[in-house]
Amino acid sequence: MTTGFFMGMASSRANDPARRGYLGGTLPNEDGDDGRTRIKNVPGVVRVNVYERGTMRLVETLRSAADGSWRVDYLDQSEIYVVIGFDDQGRVNAAIQDWVRPALMD
């Protein structure tokens, strides 16, 4: 599922059967897990960059939706990633998640 707020996606990734993973920040689920982007603990729009950890190659750059949700599909599940969220308004420092593995796409 792509959610419509991607800045760009390499279409070749979608055709590779090995790339069945995704990373994302979703709305709260029944367990209360909330992965949305936040600024001062309020869901908001940030720039999200996803890098392959081993090479630091930029895989995707996108803006989260107004509700803070975001998603990058068609990632290689055998790779480890670094995800950095940037507040382009300068209200808070960047947030970094290191050693991230994608979940299986549904």
N, C-alpha and C. Protein backbone atom coordinates (compact mmCIF):
# COMPACT_ATOMS: atom_id res chain seq x y z
N MET A 1 0.84 -1.18 0.00
CA MET A 1 0.00 0.00 0.00
C MET A 1 0.88 1.23 0.00
N THR A 2 0.69 2.09 -0.95
CA THR A 2 1.35 3.39 -0.91
C THR A 2 0.32 4.41 -0.48
N THR A 3 0.75 5.40 0.25
CA THR A 3 -0.20 6.29 0.89
C THR A 3 -0.32 7.66 0.27
N GLY A 4 0.44 7.97 -0.76
CA GLY A 4 0.20 9.19 -1.50
C GLY A 4 1.03 10.39 -1.12
N PHE A 5 1.87 10.32 -0.09
CA PHE A 5 2.65 11.50 0.25
C PHE A 5 4.14 11.27 0.03
N PHE A 6 4.47 10.32 -0.83
CA PHE A 6 5.87 10.08 -1.18
C PHE A 6 6.36 11.17 -2.11
N MET A 7 7.62 11.57 -1.93
CA MET A 7 8.23 12.53 -2.85
C MET A 7 8.71 11.81 -4.09
N GLY A 8 8.98 10.52 -3.99
CA GLY A 8 9.43 9.75 -5.14
C GLY A 8 9.72 8.32 -4.73
N MET A 9 9.60 7.39 -5.65
CA MET A 9 9.90 6.00 -5.34
C MET A 9 10.46 5.35 -6.58
N ALA A 10 11.55 4.63 -6.39
CA ALA A 10 12.15 3.92 -7.51
C ALA A 10 11.22 2.79 -7.92
N SER A 11 10.63 2.88 -9.10
CA SER A 11 9.66 1.88 -9.54
C SER A 11 10.28 0.50 -9.68
N SER A 12 11.59 0.43 -9.89
CA SER A 12 12.23 -0.88 -10.02
C SER A 12 12.13 -1.68 -8.74
N ARG A 13 12.04 -1.02 -7.60
CA ARG A 13 11.89 -1.73 -6.32
C ARG A 13 10.58 -2.52 -6.29
N ALA A 14 9.53 -1.97 -6.84
CA ALA A 14 8.22 -2.62 -6.79
C ALA A 14 8.20 -3.92 -7.58
N ASN A 15 9.08 -4.05 -8.56
CA ASN A 15 9.09 -5.23 -9.40
C ASN A 15 10.03 -6.32 -8.89
N ASP A 16 10.74 -6.08 -7.82
CA ASP A 16 11.70 -7.04 -7.28
C ASP A 16 11.02 -7.89 -6.20
N PRO A 17 10.82 -9.19 -6.43
CA PRO A 17 10.11 -10.02 -5.46
C PRO A 17 10.83 -10.16 -4.13
N ALA A 18 12.14 -9.88 -4.07
CA ALA A 18 12.87 -9.97 -2.81
C ALA A 18 12.55 -8.80 -1.88
N ARG A 19 11.97 -7.76 -2.43
CA ARG A 19 11.70 -6.55 -1.64
C ARG A 19 10.26 -6.56 -1.16
N ARG A 20 10.06 -7.25 -0.06
CA ARG A 20 8.71 -7.44 0.48
C ARG A 20 8.52 -6.71 1.81
N GLY A 21 9.47 -5.86 2.20
CA GLY A 21 9.38 -5.21 3.49
C GLY A 21 8.94 -3.76 3.41
N TYR A 22 8.56 -3.22 4.57
CA TYR A 22 8.21 -1.81 4.64
C TYR A 22 8.63 -1.23 5.98
N LEU A 23 8.83 0.07 5.99
CA LEU A 23 9.03 0.83 7.21
C LEU A 23 7.95 1.89 7.22
N GLY A 24 7.47 2.23 8.39
CA GLY A 24 6.45 3.27 8.44
C GLY A 24 6.09 3.67 9.85
N GLY A 25 5.48 4.81 9.93
CA GLY A 25 4.92 5.32 11.17
C GLY A 25 3.42 5.39 10.98
N THR A 26 2.71 4.55 11.70
CA THR A 26 1.27 4.42 11.48
C THR A 26 0.48 4.99 12.65
N LEU A 27 -0.80 5.15 12.42
CA LEU A 27 -1.72 5.59 13.46
C LEU A 27 -1.76 4.55 14.57
N PRO A 28 -2.16 4.93 15.77
CA PRO A 28 -2.19 3.97 16.87
C PRO A 28 -3.03 2.74 16.53
N ASN A 29 -2.53 1.57 16.95
CA ASN A 29 -3.28 0.34 16.75
C ASN A 29 -3.96 -0.07 18.06
N GLU A 30 -4.58 -1.26 18.06
CA GLU A 30 -5.32 -1.71 19.24
C GLU A 30 -4.40 -1.91 20.46
N ASP A 31 -3.10 -2.07 20.24
CA ASP A 31 -2.15 -2.21 21.35
C ASP A 31 -1.63 -0.86 21.83
N GLY A 32 -2.03 0.22 21.17
CA GLY A 32 -1.58 1.55 21.55
C GLY A 32 -0.27 1.97 20.91
N ASP A 33 0.32 1.09 20.05
CA ASP A 33 1.56 1.46 19.37
C ASP A 33 1.28 2.62 18.41
N ASP A 34 2.11 3.64 18.49
CA ASP A 34 1.92 4.84 17.68
C ASP A 34 3.27 5.23 17.10
N GLY A 35 3.47 5.00 15.80
CA GLY A 35 4.75 5.25 15.17
C GLY A 35 4.81 6.53 14.37
N ARG A 36 3.86 7.41 14.56
CA ARG A 36 3.82 8.64 13.75
C ARG A 36 4.96 9.60 14.12
N THR A 37 5.28 10.48 13.18
CA THR A 37 6.26 11.52 13.45
C THR A 37 5.62 12.55 14.38
N ARG A 38 6.45 13.09 15.26
CA ARG A 38 5.95 14.06 16.25
C ARG A 38 6.93 15.21 16.40
N ILE A 39 6.37 16.37 16.67
CA ILE A 39 7.16 17.54 17.01
C ILE A 39 6.64 18.03 18.35
N LYS A 40 7.52 18.01 19.35
CA LYS A 40 7.14 18.35 20.72
C LYS A 40 5.94 17.53 21.17
N ASN A 41 5.99 16.24 20.84
CA ASN A 41 5.01 15.22 21.19
C ASN A 41 3.63 15.42 20.54
N VAL A 42 3.57 16.20 19.49
CA VAL A 42 2.33 16.39 18.73
C VAL A 42 2.57 15.89 17.31
N PRO A 43 1.72 14.98 16.79
CA PRO A 43 1.92 14.50 15.42
C PRO A 43 2.03 15.67 14.45
N GLY A 44 3.00 15.57 13.54
CA GLY A 44 3.21 16.66 12.60
C GLY A 44 3.98 16.24 11.38
N VAL A 45 4.12 17.16 10.45
CA VAL A 45 4.81 16.92 9.18
C VAL A 45 6.31 17.08 9.38
N VAL A 46 7.05 16.06 8.99
CA VAL A 46 8.51 16.13 8.99
C VAL A 46 9.02 15.49 7.71
N ARG A 47 10.29 15.74 7.39
CA ARG A 47 10.94 15.06 6.28
C ARG A 47 11.56 13.80 6.82
N VAL A 48 11.27 12.67 6.19
CA VAL A 48 11.80 11.36 6.61
C VAL A 48 12.75 10.87 5.53
N ASN A 49 13.98 10.55 5.94
CA ASN A 49 14.96 9.96 5.03
C ASN A 49 15.28 8.55 5.51
N VAL A 50 15.30 7.59 4.58
CA VAL A 50 15.63 6.20 4.89
C VAL A 50 16.92 5.86 4.15
N TYR A 51 17.91 5.36 4.89
CA TYR A 51 19.22 5.02 4.35
C TYR A 51 19.52 3.54 4.58
N GLU A 52 20.20 2.90 3.64
CA GLU A 52 20.77 1.58 3.90
C GLU A 52 21.91 1.79 4.88
N ARG A 53 21.92 1.04 5.96
CA ARG A 53 22.91 1.30 7.00
C ARG A 53 24.33 1.01 6.55
N GLY A 54 24.53 -0.08 5.83
CA GLY A 54 25.89 -0.48 5.43
C GLY A 54 26.57 0.49 4.50
N THR A 55 25.81 1.11 3.60
CA THR A 55 26.38 2.00 2.59
C THR A 55 26.00 3.46 2.80
N MET A 56 24.99 3.71 3.63
CA MET A 56 24.40 5.04 3.85
C MET A 56 23.83 5.60 2.55
N ARG A 57 23.46 4.70 1.64
CA ARG A 57 22.78 5.12 0.40
C ARG A 57 21.36 5.55 0.75
N LEU A 58 20.96 6.72 0.26
CA LEU A 58 19.60 7.20 0.48
C LEU A 58 18.65 6.34 -0.33
N VAL A 59 17.71 5.69 0.35
CA VAL A 59 16.74 4.81 -0.30
C VAL A 59 15.47 5.59 -0.64
N GLU A 60 15.05 6.45 0.25
CA GLU A 60 13.79 7.18 0.06
C GLU A 60 13.82 8.46 0.88
N THR A 61 13.20 9.49 0.36
CA THR A 61 12.94 10.71 1.12
C THR A 61 11.49 11.08 0.88
N LEU A 62 10.79 11.45 1.93
CA LEU A 62 9.38 11.77 1.84
C LEU A 62 8.98 12.69 2.96
N ARG A 63 7.80 13.25 2.86
CA ARG A 63 7.21 14.03 3.95
C ARG A 63 6.10 13.21 4.56
N SER A 64 6.04 13.23 5.88
CA SER A 64 4.94 12.55 6.54
C SER A 64 3.65 13.33 6.28
N ALA A 65 2.53 12.65 6.48
CA ALA A 65 1.23 13.29 6.31
C ALA A 65 0.99 14.24 7.49
N ALA A 66 -0.04 15.05 7.41
CA ALA A 66 -0.36 16.00 8.49
C ALA A 66 -0.59 15.29 9.82
N ASP A 67 -1.07 14.04 9.77
CA ASP A 67 -1.30 13.29 11.02
C ASP A 67 -0.05 12.56 11.50
N GLY A 68 1.10 12.77 10.82
CA GLY A 68 2.37 12.17 11.21
C GLY A 68 2.63 10.80 10.64
N SER A 69 1.70 10.23 9.90
CA SER A 69 1.90 8.89 9.36
C SER A 69 2.78 8.94 8.11
N TRP A 70 3.51 7.85 7.88
CA TRP A 70 4.37 7.73 6.70
C TRP A 70 4.65 6.26 6.46
N ARG A 71 5.07 5.94 5.24
CA ARG A 71 5.37 4.55 4.91
C ARG A 71 6.24 4.48 3.66
N VAL A 72 7.22 3.56 3.70
CA VAL A 72 8.07 3.26 2.54
C VAL A 72 7.94 1.77 2.28
N ASP A 73 7.44 1.41 1.12
CA ASP A 73 7.24 0.02 0.73
C ASP A 73 8.39 -0.51 -0.11
N TYR A 74 8.37 -1.82 -0.33
CA TYR A 74 9.29 -2.53 -1.23
C TYR A 74 10.74 -2.43 -0.79
N LEU A 75 10.97 -2.65 0.50
CA LEU A 75 12.34 -2.66 1.02
C LEU A 75 12.81 -4.10 1.20
N ASP A 76 14.10 -4.30 1.03
CA ASP A 76 14.72 -5.61 1.22
C ASP A 76 14.75 -5.92 2.71
N GLN A 77 14.09 -7.00 3.11
CA GLN A 77 14.01 -7.36 4.52
C GLN A 77 15.34 -7.84 5.09
N SER A 78 16.29 -8.18 4.24
CA SER A 78 17.59 -8.63 4.75
C SER A 78 18.51 -7.45 5.06
N GLU A 79 18.12 -6.24 4.66
CA GLU A 79 18.92 -5.04 4.91
C GLU A 79 18.57 -4.42 6.26
N ILE A 80 19.51 -3.66 6.80
CA ILE A 80 19.29 -2.86 8.00
C ILE A 80 19.31 -1.40 7.56
N TYR A 81 18.44 -0.60 8.15
CA TYR A 81 18.26 0.78 7.72
C TYR A 81 18.46 1.77 8.87
N VAL A 82 18.73 3.01 8.49
CA VAL A 82 18.74 4.14 9.41
C VAL A 82 17.63 5.07 8.94
N VAL A 83 16.78 5.52 9.86
CA VAL A 83 15.68 6.42 9.53
C VAL A 83 15.90 7.72 10.30
N ILE A 84 15.90 8.83 9.57
CA ILE A 84 16.10 10.14 10.20
C ILE A 84 14.89 11.02 9.87
N GLY A 85 14.30 11.60 10.90
CA GLY A 85 13.20 12.54 10.75
C GLY A 85 13.69 13.95 11.01
N PHE A 86 13.49 14.84 10.05
CA PHE A 86 13.97 16.22 10.14
C PHE A 86 12.78 17.18 10.27
N ASP A 87 12.85 18.08 11.23
CA ASP A 87 11.88 19.17 11.34
C ASP A 87 12.44 20.34 10.55
N ASP A 88 11.93 20.55 9.36
CA ASP A 88 12.45 21.60 8.48
C ASP A 88 12.12 23.01 8.99
N GLN A 89 11.28 23.12 10.01
CA GLN A 89 10.95 24.42 10.60
C GLN A 89 11.93 24.81 11.70
N GLY A 90 12.81 23.87 12.11
CA GLY A 90 13.83 24.18 13.11
C GLY A 90 13.34 24.23 14.54
N ARG A 91 12.20 23.59 14.84
CA ARG A 91 11.67 23.62 16.20
C ARG A 91 12.35 22.61 17.11
N VAL A 92 12.79 21.48 16.54
CA VAL A 92 13.45 20.42 17.31
C VAL A 92 14.58 19.83 16.47
N ASN A 93 15.51 19.15 17.13
CA ASN A 93 16.59 18.46 16.43
C ASN A 93 16.06 17.24 15.70
N ALA A 94 16.84 16.73 14.78
CA ALA A 94 16.46 15.53 14.04
C ALA A 94 16.36 14.35 15.00
N ALA A 95 15.47 13.41 14.67
CA ALA A 95 15.32 12.16 15.42
C ALA A 95 15.86 11.03 14.56
N ILE A 96 16.68 10.17 15.16
CA ILE A 96 17.33 9.09 14.41
C ILE A 96 16.94 7.75 15.01
N GLN A 97 16.56 6.82 14.14
CA GLN A 97 16.34 5.42 14.52
C GLN A 97 17.36 4.60 13.74
N ASP A 98 18.22 3.92 14.47
CA ASP A 98 19.30 3.15 13.86
C ASP A 98 19.02 1.66 14.02
N TRP A 99 19.62 0.86 13.16
CA TRP A 99 19.49 -0.61 13.19
C TRP A 99 18.04 -1.05 13.03
N VAL A 100 17.36 -0.49 12.04
CA VAL A 100 15.94 -0.77 11.81
C VAL A 100 15.80 -1.82 10.71
N ARG A 101 14.98 -2.83 10.97
CA ARG A 101 14.66 -3.85 9.96
C ARG A 101 13.22 -3.68 9.53
N PRO A 102 12.95 -3.81 8.23
CA PRO A 102 11.57 -3.66 7.75
C PRO A 102 10.66 -4.81 8.17
N ALA A 103 9.40 -4.50 8.30
CA ALA A 103 8.37 -5.51 8.55
C ALA A 103 7.88 -6.05 7.22
N LEU A 104 7.28 -7.23 7.25
CA LEU A 104 6.73 -7.85 6.04
C LEU A 104 5.51 -7.06 5.59
N MET A 105 5.46 -6.72 4.29
CA MET A 105 4.32 -5.99 3.74
C MET A 105 3.08 -6.87 3.83
N ASP A 106 1.96 -6.23 4.12
CA ASP A 106 0.68 -6.94 4.19
C ASP A 106 -0.06 -6.87 2.88
